[in-house]
């Protein structure tokens, strides 16, 4: 029901098991830590790294590897890049 040339087949599947597990882990770790956030400079640095990554989805501002929304994930101290570009 779609053409082979359409770009829709490259869209991120929202509810894969891997992404749901990552979300639940994210929520639990941040709940445990009291939702501590990084500094504004660190937040901007993390976002800049993500925007240059091959896994970054510019349309959804989301990581195609872990499925997280970068604007949210980059804020929290408990989070790290699944590719190891930035750490906790």
PDB file of N, CA and C in Angstrom:
ATOM      1  N   UNK A   1       0.803  -1.178   0.000  1.00  0.00           N
ATOM      2  CA  UNK A   1       0.000   0.000   0.000  1.00  0.00           C
ATOM      3  C   UNK A   1       0.850   1.247   0.000  1.00  0.00           C
ATOM      4  N   UNK A   2       1.998   1.158  -0.543  1.00  0.00           N
ATOM      5  CA  UNK A   2       2.865   2.308  -0.648  1.00  0.00           C
ATOM      6  C   UNK A   2       3.909   2.047  -1.706  1.00  0.00           C
ATOM      7  N   UNK A   3       4.497   3.082  -2.163  1.00  0.00           N
ATOM      8  CA  UNK A   3       5.512   2.909  -3.187  1.00  0.00           C
ATOM      9  C   UNK A   3       6.857   2.590  -2.549  1.00  0.00           C
ATOM     10  N   UNK A   4       7.723   1.956  -3.301  1.00  0.00           N
ATOM     11  CA  UNK A   4       9.045   1.596  -2.807  1.00  0.00           C
ATOM     12  C   UNK A   4       9.944   2.819  -2.685  1.00  0.00           C
ATOM     13  N   UNK A   5       9.613   3.873  -3.386  1.00  0.00           N
ATOM     14  CA  UNK A   5      10.419   5.084  -3.365  1.00  0.00           C
ATOM     15  C   UNK A   5      10.041   6.035  -2.229  1.00  0.00           C
ATOM     16  N   UNK A   6       8.983   5.719  -1.489  1.00  0.00           N
ATOM     17  CA  UNK A   6       8.544   6.596  -0.406  1.00  0.00           C
ATOM     18  C   UNK A   6       9.539   6.559   0.746  1.00  0.00           C
ATOM     19  N   UNK A   7       9.633   7.663   1.468  1.00  0.00           N
ATOM     20  CA  UNK A   7      10.556   7.761   2.595  1.00  0.00           C
ATOM     21  C   UNK A   7       9.937   7.241   3.889  1.00  0.00           C
ATOM     22  N   UNK A   8       8.677   6.865   3.886  1.00  0.00           N
ATOM     23  CA  UNK A   8       7.982   6.440   5.100  1.00  0.00           C
ATOM     24  C   UNK A   8       8.573   5.184   5.714  1.00  0.00           C
ATOM     25  N   UNK A   9       9.225   4.327   4.909  1.00  0.00           N
ATOM     26  CA  UNK A   9       9.755   3.088   5.446  1.00  0.00           C
ATOM     27  C   UNK A   9      10.976   3.317   6.335  1.00  0.00           C
ATOM     28  N   UNK A  10      11.546   4.517   6.316  1.00  0.00           N
ATOM     29  CA  UNK A  10      12.703   4.822   7.136  1.00  0.00           C
ATOM     30  C   UNK A  10      12.326   5.421   8.482  1.00  0.00           C
ATOM     31  N   UNK A  11      11.042   5.629   8.729  1.00  0.00           N
ATOM     32  CA  UNK A  11      10.605   6.226   9.985  1.00  0.00           C
ATOM     33  C   UNK A  11      10.863   5.259  11.138  1.00  0.00           C
ATOM     34  N   UNK A  12      11.149   5.816  12.281  1.00  0.00           N
ATOM     35  CA  UNK A  12      11.419   5.048  13.489  1.00  0.00           C
ATOM     36  C   UNK A  12      10.147   4.396  13.989  1.00  0.00           C
ATOM     37  N   UNK A  13      10.219   3.113  14.299  1.00  0.00           N
ATOM     38  CA  UNK A  13       9.083   2.436  14.902  1.00  0.00           C
ATOM     39  C   UNK A  13       9.062   2.820  16.373  1.00  0.00           C
ATOM     40  N   UNK A  14       7.971   3.382  16.820  1.00  0.00           N
ATOM     41  CA  UNK A  14       7.900   3.983  18.142  1.00  0.00           C
ATOM     42  C   UNK A  14       7.894   2.938  19.255  1.00  0.00           C
ATOM     43  N   UNK A  15       7.148   1.899  19.129  1.00  0.00           N
ATOM     44  CA  UNK A  15       6.945   0.983  20.237  1.00  0.00           C
ATOM     45  C   UNK A  15       7.661  -0.354  20.064  1.00  0.00           C
ATOM     46  N   UNK A  16       8.942  -0.334  19.786  1.00  0.00           N
ATOM     47  CA  UNK A  16       9.687  -1.589  19.763  1.00  0.00           C
ATOM     48  C   UNK A  16      10.012  -1.965  21.204  1.00  0.00           C
ATOM     49  N   UNK A  17      10.264  -3.199  21.450  1.00  0.00           N
ATOM     50  CA  UNK A  17      10.575  -3.665  22.803  1.00  0.00           C
ATOM     51  C   UNK A  17      11.838  -2.996  23.341  1.00  0.00           C
ATOM     52  N   UNK A  18      12.831  -2.814  22.481  1.00  0.00           N
ATOM     53  CA  UNK A  18      14.085  -2.170  22.903  1.00  0.00           C
ATOM     54  C   UNK A  18      13.815  -0.751  23.398  1.00  0.00           C
ATOM     55  N   UNK A  19      13.005  -0.014  22.667  1.00  0.00           N
ATOM     56  CA  UNK A  19      12.705   1.366  23.037  1.00  0.00           C
ATOM     57  C   UNK A  19      11.874   1.433  24.317  1.00  0.00           C
ATOM     58  N   UNK A  20      10.950   0.508  24.486  1.00  0.00           N
ATOM     59  CA  UNK A  20      10.149   0.483  25.714  1.00  0.00           C
ATOM     60  C   UNK A  20      11.031   0.153  26.915  1.00  0.00           C
ATOM     61  N   UNK A  21      11.949  -0.785  26.748  1.00  0.00           N
ATOM     62  CA  UNK A  21      12.876  -1.134  27.834  1.00  0.00           C
ATOM     63  C   UNK A  21      13.744   0.069  28.177  1.00  0.00           C
ATOM     64  N   UNK A  22      14.247   0.771  27.159  1.00  0.00           N
ATOM     65  CA  UNK A  22      15.069   1.958  27.392  1.00  0.00           C
ATOM     66  C   UNK A  22      14.289   3.037  28.139  1.00  0.00           C
ATOM     67  N   UNK A  23      13.029   3.227  27.782  1.00  0.00           N
ATOM     68  CA  UNK A  23      12.212   4.234  28.459  1.00  0.00           C
ATOM     69  C   UNK A  23      11.994   3.870  29.929  1.00  0.00           C
ATOM     70  N   UNK A  24      11.666   2.614  30.189  1.00  0.00           N
ATOM     71  CA  UNK A  24      11.426   2.190  31.569  1.00  0.00           C
ATOM     72  C   UNK A  24      12.696   2.293  32.406  1.00  0.00           C
ATOM     73  N   UNK A  25      13.846   1.956  31.828  1.00  0.00           N
ATOM     74  CA  UNK A  25      15.124   2.099  32.516  1.00  0.00           C
ATOM     75  C   UNK A  25      15.406   3.567  32.798  1.00  0.00           C
ATOM     76  N   UNK A  26      15.181   4.416  31.810  1.00  0.00           N
ATOM     77  CA  UNK A  26      15.345   5.862  31.957  1.00  0.00           C
ATOM     78  C   UNK A  26      14.507   6.383  33.115  1.00  0.00           C
ATOM     79  N   UNK A  27      13.249   6.014  33.132  1.00  0.00           N
ATOM     80  CA  UNK A  27      12.341   6.506  34.158  1.00  0.00           C
ATOM     81  C   UNK A  27      12.763   6.021  35.544  1.00  0.00           C
ATOM     82  N   UNK A  28      13.090   4.752  35.681  1.00  0.00           N
ATOM     83  CA  UNK A  28      13.482   4.191  36.968  1.00  0.00           C
ATOM     84  C   UNK A  28      14.759   4.837  37.503  1.00  0.00           C
ATOM     85  N   UNK A  29      15.778   4.955  36.656  1.00  0.00           N
ATOM     86  CA  UNK A  29      17.047   5.541  37.093  1.00  0.00           C
ATOM     87  C   UNK A  29      16.873   6.994  37.527  1.00  0.00           C
ATOM     88  N   UNK A  30      16.087   7.731  36.795  1.00  0.00           N
ATOM     89  CA  UNK A  30      15.866   9.138  37.143  1.00  0.00           C
ATOM     90  C   UNK A  30      14.986   9.299  38.369  1.00  0.00           C
ATOM     91  N   UNK A  31      14.046   8.433  38.539  1.00  0.00           N
ATOM     92  CA  UNK A  31      13.218   8.451  39.744  1.00  0.00           C
ATOM     93  C   UNK A  31      14.096   8.199  40.970  1.00  0.00           C
ATOM     94  N   UNK A  32      14.997   7.214  40.850  1.00  0.00           N
ATOM     95  CA  UNK A  32      15.908   6.876  41.940  1.00  0.00           C
ATOM     96  C   UNK A  32      16.850   8.032  42.280  1.00  0.00           C
ATOM     97  N   UNK A  33      17.300   8.763  41.262  1.00  0.00           N
ATOM     98  CA  UNK A  33      18.269   9.845  41.477  1.00  0.00           C
ATOM     99  C   UNK A  33      17.609  11.181  41.816  1.00  0.00           C
ATOM    100  N   UNK A  34      16.305  11.247  41.756  1.00  0.00           N
ATOM    101  CA  UNK A  34      15.608  12.502  42.024  1.00  0.00           C
ATOM    102  C   UNK A  34      15.563  13.416  40.816  1.00  0.00           C
ATOM    103  N   UNK A  35      15.694  12.844  39.627  1.00  0.00           N
ATOM    104  CA  UNK A  35      15.637  13.578  38.364  1.00  0.00           C
ATOM    105  C   UNK A  35      16.671  14.708  38.311  1.00  0.00           C
ATOM    106  N   UNK A  36      17.898  14.411  38.733  1.00  0.00           N
ATOM    107  CA  UNK A  36      18.979  15.401  38.703  1.00  0.00           C
ATOM    108  C   UNK A  36      19.370  15.703  37.263  1.00  0.00           C
ATOM    109  N   UNK A  37      19.590  16.991  36.991  1.00  0.00           N
ATOM    110  CA  UNK A  37      19.894  17.421  35.630  1.00  0.00           C
ATOM    111  C   UNK A  37      21.321  17.939  35.508  1.00  0.00           C
ATOM    112  N   UNK A  38      21.837  17.896  34.293  1.00  0.00           N
ATOM    113  CA  UNK A  38      23.175  18.408  34.005  1.00  0.00           C
ATOM    114  C   UNK A  38      23.124  19.928  33.875  1.00  0.00           C
ATOM    115  N   UNK A  39      24.288  20.555  33.815  1.00  0.00           N
ATOM    116  CA  UNK A  39      24.343  22.010  33.641  1.00  0.00           C
ATOM    117  C   UNK A  39      23.859  22.386  32.237  1.00  0.00           C
ATOM    118  N   UNK A  40      23.555  23.652  32.062  1.00  0.00           N
ATOM    119  CA  UNK A  40      23.086  24.143  30.768  1.00  0.00           C
ATOM    120  C   UNK A  40      24.145  23.936  29.681  1.00  0.00           C
ATOM    121  N   UNK A  41      25.431  24.170  30.024  1.00  0.00           N
ATOM    122  CA  UNK A  41      26.511  23.974  29.056  1.00  0.00           C
ATOM    123  C   UNK A  41      26.649  22.505  28.660  1.00  0.00           C
ATOM    124  N   UNK A  42      26.553  21.615  29.627  1.00  0.00           N
ATOM    125  CA  UNK A  42      26.635  20.181  29.346  1.00  0.00           C
ATOM    126  C   UNK A  42      25.453  19.732  28.496  1.00  0.00           C
ATOM    127  N   UNK A  43      24.286  20.250  28.782  1.00  0.00           N
ATOM    128  CA  UNK A  43      23.082  19.938  28.008  1.00  0.00           C
ATOM    129  C   UNK A  43      23.269  20.340  26.540  1.00  0.00           C
ATOM    130  N   UNK A  44      23.752  21.558  26.319  1.00  0.00           N
ATOM    131  CA  UNK A  44      23.988  22.020  24.947  1.00  0.00           C
ATOM    132  C   UNK A  44      25.079  21.210  24.254  1.00  0.00           C
ATOM    133  N   UNK A  45      26.108  20.831  24.991  1.00  0.00           N
ATOM    134  CA  UNK A  45      27.182  20.019  24.437  1.00  0.00           C
ATOM    135  C   UNK A  45      26.668  18.648  23.998  1.00  0.00           C
ATOM    136  N   UNK A  46      25.857  18.027  24.821  1.00  0.00           N
ATOM    137  CA  UNK A  46      25.281  16.721  24.482  1.00  0.00           C
ATOM    138  C   UNK A  46      24.414  16.811  23.230  1.00  0.00           C
ATOM    139  N   UNK A  47      23.603  17.848  23.149  1.00  0.00           N
ATOM    140  CA  UNK A  47      22.744  18.006  21.968  1.00  0.00           C
ATOM    141  C   UNK A  47      23.567  18.215  20.701  1.00  0.00           C
ATOM    142  N   UNK A  48      24.648  18.989  20.808  1.00  0.00           N
ATOM    143  CA  UNK A  48      25.509  19.235  19.651  1.00  0.00           C
ATOM    144  C   UNK A  48      26.152  17.933  19.168  1.00  0.00           C
ATOM    145  N   UNK A  49      26.565  17.098  20.109  1.00  0.00           N
ATOM    146  CA  UNK A  49      27.144  15.800  19.750  1.00  0.00           C
ATOM    147  C   UNK A  49      26.110  14.950  19.026  1.00  0.00           C
ATOM    148  N   UNK A  50      24.900  14.927  19.545  1.00  0.00           N
ATOM    149  CA  UNK A  50      23.836  14.125  18.931  1.00  0.00           C
ATOM    150  C   UNK A  50      23.497  14.610  17.522  1.00  0.00           C
ATOM    151  N   UNK A  51      23.460  15.905  17.343  1.00  0.00           N
ATOM    152  CA  UNK A  51      23.100  16.439  16.015  1.00  0.00           C
ATOM    153  C   UNK A  51      24.113  16.070  14.945  1.00  0.00           C
ATOM    154  N   UNK A  52      25.340  15.763  15.333  1.00  0.00           N
ATOM    155  CA  UNK A  52      26.365  15.356  14.388  1.00  0.00           C
ATOM    156  C   UNK A  52      26.477  13.855  14.210  1.00  0.00           C
ATOM    157  N   UNK A  53      25.653  13.101  14.927  1.00  0.00           N
ATOM    158  CA  UNK A  53      25.730  11.640  14.912  1.00  0.00           C
ATOM    159  C   UNK A  53      24.920  11.061  13.759  1.00  0.00           C
ATOM    160  N   UNK A  54      25.377   9.929  13.232  1.00  0.00           N
ATOM    161  CA  UNK A  54      24.668   9.280  12.120  1.00  0.00           C
ATOM    162  C   UNK A  54      23.337   8.650  12.556  1.00  0.00           C
ATOM    163  N   UNK A  55      23.134   8.431  13.852  1.00  0.00           N
ATOM    164  CA  UNK A  55      21.890   7.854  14.360  1.00  0.00           C
ATOM    165  C   UNK A  55      20.839   8.916  14.668  1.00  0.00           C
ATOM    166  N   UNK A  56      21.189  10.187  14.558  1.00  0.00           N
ATOM    167  CA  UNK A  56      20.263  11.263  14.898  1.00  0.00           C
ATOM    168  C   UNK A  56      19.211  11.435  13.818  1.00  0.00           C
ATOM    169  N   UNK A  57      17.947  11.430  14.219  1.00  0.00           N
ATOM    170  CA  UNK A  57      16.823  11.636  13.317  1.00  0.00           C
ATOM    171  C   UNK A  57      16.435  13.111  13.408  1.00  0.00           C
ATOM    172  N   UNK A  58      16.777  13.886  12.388  1.00  0.00           N
ATOM    173  CA  UNK A  58      16.551  15.331  12.403  1.00  0.00           C
ATOM    174  C   UNK A  58      15.077  15.700  12.368  1.00  0.00           C
ATOM    175  N   UNK A  59      14.255  14.884  11.736  1.00  0.00           N
ATOM    176  CA  UNK A  59      12.828  15.182  11.651  1.00  0.00           C
ATOM    177  C   UNK A  59      12.143  15.047  13.005  1.00  0.00           C
ATOM    178  N   UNK A  60      12.510  14.014  13.770  1.00  0.00           N
ATOM    179  CA  UNK A  60      11.857  13.748  15.042  1.00  0.00           C
ATOM    180  C   UNK A  60      12.686  14.204  16.238  1.00  0.00           C
ATOM    181  N   UNK A  61      13.881  14.706  15.998  1.00  0.00           N
ATOM    182  CA  UNK A  61      14.833  15.112  17.041  1.00  0.00           C
ATOM    183  C   UNK A  61      14.959  13.962  18.044  1.00  0.00           C
ATOM    184  N   UNK A  62      15.336  12.815  17.491  1.00  0.00           N
ATOM    185  CA  UNK A  62      15.314  11.561  18.227  1.00  0.00           C
ATOM    186  C   UNK A  62      16.486  10.691  17.798  1.00  0.00           C
ATOM    187  N   UNK A  63      16.943   9.832  18.694  1.00  0.00           N
ATOM    188  CA  UNK A  63      18.026   8.901  18.383  1.00  0.00           C
ATOM    189  C   UNK A  63      17.432   7.640  17.760  1.00  0.00           C
ATOM    190  N   UNK A  64      17.921   7.261  16.598  1.00  0.00           N
ATOM    191  CA  UNK A  64      17.432   6.049  15.952  1.00  0.00           C
ATOM    192  C   UNK A  64      17.994   4.790  16.599  1.00  0.00           C
ATOM    193  N   UNK A  65      19.032   4.914  17.415  1.00  0.00           N
ATOM    194  CA  UNK A  65      19.606   3.742  18.079  1.00  0.00           C
ATOM    195  C   UNK A  65      18.800   3.379  19.324  1.00  0.00           C
ATOM    196  N   UNK A  66      18.648   4.309  20.259  1.00  0.00           N
ATOM    197  CA  UNK A  66      17.949   4.002  21.514  1.00  0.00           C
ATOM    198  C   UNK A  66      16.472   4.396  21.476  1.00  0.00           C
ATOM    199  N   UNK A  67      16.097   5.283  20.567  1.00  0.00           N
ATOM    200  CA  UNK A  67      14.701   5.703  20.445  1.00  0.00           C
ATOM    201  C   UNK A  67      14.318   6.886  21.306  1.00  0.00           C
ATOM    202  N   UNK A  68      15.268   7.433  22.062  1.00  0.00           N
ATOM    203  CA  UNK A  68      14.972   8.532  22.986  1.00  0.00           C
ATOM    204  C   UNK A  68      14.883   9.873  22.265  1.00  0.00           C
ATOM    205  N   UNK A  69      14.069  10.738  22.838  1.00  0.00           N
ATOM    206  CA  UNK A  69      14.016  12.113  22.367  1.00  0.00           C
ATOM    207  C   UNK A  69      15.199  12.845  22.976  1.00  0.00           C
ATOM    208  N   UNK A  70      16.047  13.419  22.149  1.00  0.00           N
ATOM    209  CA  UNK A  70      17.320  13.995  22.582  1.00  0.00           C
ATOM    210  C   UNK A  70      17.117  15.169  23.535  1.00  0.00           C
ATOM    211  N   UNK A  71      16.139  16.003  23.281  1.00  0.00           N
ATOM    212  CA  UNK A  71      15.927  17.166  24.154  1.00  0.00           C
ATOM    213  C   UNK A  71      15.624  16.745  25.581  1.00  0.00           C
ATOM    214  N   UNK A  72      15.051  15.580  25.769  1.00  0.00           N
ATOM    215  CA  UNK A  72      14.757  15.083  27.105  1.00  0.00           C
ATOM    216  C   UNK A  72      15.935  14.308  27.677  1.00  0.00           C
ATOM    217  N   UNK A  73      16.452  13.377  26.910  1.00  0.00           N
ATOM    218  CA  UNK A  73      17.524  12.513  27.402  1.00  0.00           C
ATOM    219  C   UNK A  73      18.776  13.290  27.791  1.00  0.00           C
ATOM    220  N   UNK A  74      19.127  14.291  27.023  1.00  0.00           N
ATOM    221  CA  UNK A  74      20.363  15.048  27.267  1.00  0.00           C
ATOM    222  C   UNK A  74      20.330  15.850  28.562  1.00  0.00           C
ATOM    223  N   UNK A  75      19.176  16.054  29.144  1.00  0.00           N
ATOM    224  CA  UNK A  75      19.034  16.857  30.366  1.00  0.00           C
ATOM    225  C   UNK A  75      19.482  16.139  31.635  1.00  0.00           C
ATOM    226  N   UNK A  76      19.398  14.821  31.651  1.00  0.00           N
ATOM    227  CA  UNK A  76      19.521  14.096  32.910  1.00  0.00           C
ATOM    228  C   UNK A  76      20.896  13.468  33.127  1.00  0.00           C
ATOM    229  N   UNK A  77      21.381  13.590  34.357  1.00  0.00           N
ATOM    230  CA  UNK A  77      22.708  13.091  34.720  1.00  0.00           C
ATOM    231  C   UNK A  77      22.828  11.581  34.606  1.00  0.00           C
ATOM    232  N   UNK A  78      21.754  10.858  34.763  1.00  0.00           N
ATOM    233  CA  UNK A  78      21.808   9.396  34.741  1.00  0.00           C
ATOM    234  C   UNK A  78      21.922   8.831  33.325  1.00  0.00           C
ATOM    235  N   UNK A  79      21.768   9.674  32.327  1.00  0.00           N
ATOM    236  CA  UNK A  79      21.722   9.200  30.944  1.00  0.00           C
ATOM    237  C   UNK A  79      23.078   9.269  30.257  1.00  0.00           C
ATOM    238  N   UNK A  80      23.257   8.362  29.293  1.00  0.00           N
ATOM    239  CA  UNK A  80      24.447   8.381  28.453  1.00  0.00           C
ATOM    240  C   UNK A  80      24.089   7.940  27.044  1.00  0.00           C
ATOM    241  N   UNK A  81      24.930   8.286  26.116  1.00  0.00           N
ATOM    242  CA  UNK A  81      24.728   7.936  24.706  1.00  0.00           C
ATOM    243  C   UNK A  81      24.948   6.433  24.526  1.00  0.00           C
ATOM    244  N   UNK A  82      24.061   5.740  23.794  1.00  0.00           N
ATOM    245  CA  UNK A  82      24.252   4.316  23.580  1.00  0.00           C
ATOM    246  C   UNK A  82      25.493   4.002  22.738  1.00  0.00           C
ATOM    247  N   UNK A  83      25.986   4.993  22.006  1.00  0.00           N
ATOM    248  CA  UNK A  83      27.185   4.809  21.207  1.00  0.00           C
ATOM    249  C   UNK A  83      28.452   5.241  21.957  1.00  0.00           C
ATOM    250  N   UNK A  84      28.300   5.776  23.155  1.00  0.00           N
ATOM    251  CA  UNK A  84      29.430   6.160  23.988  1.00  0.00           C
ATOM    252  C   UNK A  84      29.997   7.551  23.690  1.00  0.00           C
ATOM    253  N   UNK A  85      29.245   8.391  22.991  1.00  0.00           N
ATOM    254  CA  UNK A  85      29.738   9.722  22.651  1.00  0.00           C
ATOM    255  C   UNK A  85      29.679  10.680  23.845  1.00  0.00           C
ATOM    256  N   UNK A  86      28.755  10.461  24.773  1.00  0.00           N
ATOM    257  CA  UNK A  86      28.748  11.208  26.030  1.00  0.00           C
ATOM    258  C   UNK A  86      28.286  10.280  27.143  1.00  0.00           C
ATOM    259  N   UNK A  87      28.879  10.503  28.311  1.00  0.00           N
ATOM    260  CA  UNK A  87      28.674   9.613  29.472  1.00  0.00           C
ATOM    261  C   UNK A  87      27.891  10.288  30.573  1.00  0.00           C
ATOM    262  N   UNK A  88      27.530   9.492  31.574  1.00  0.00           N
ATOM    263  CA  UNK A  88      26.829   9.982  32.762  1.00  0.00           C
ATOM    264  C   UNK A  88      27.668  10.987  33.497  1.00  0.00           C
TER     265      UNK A  88
END
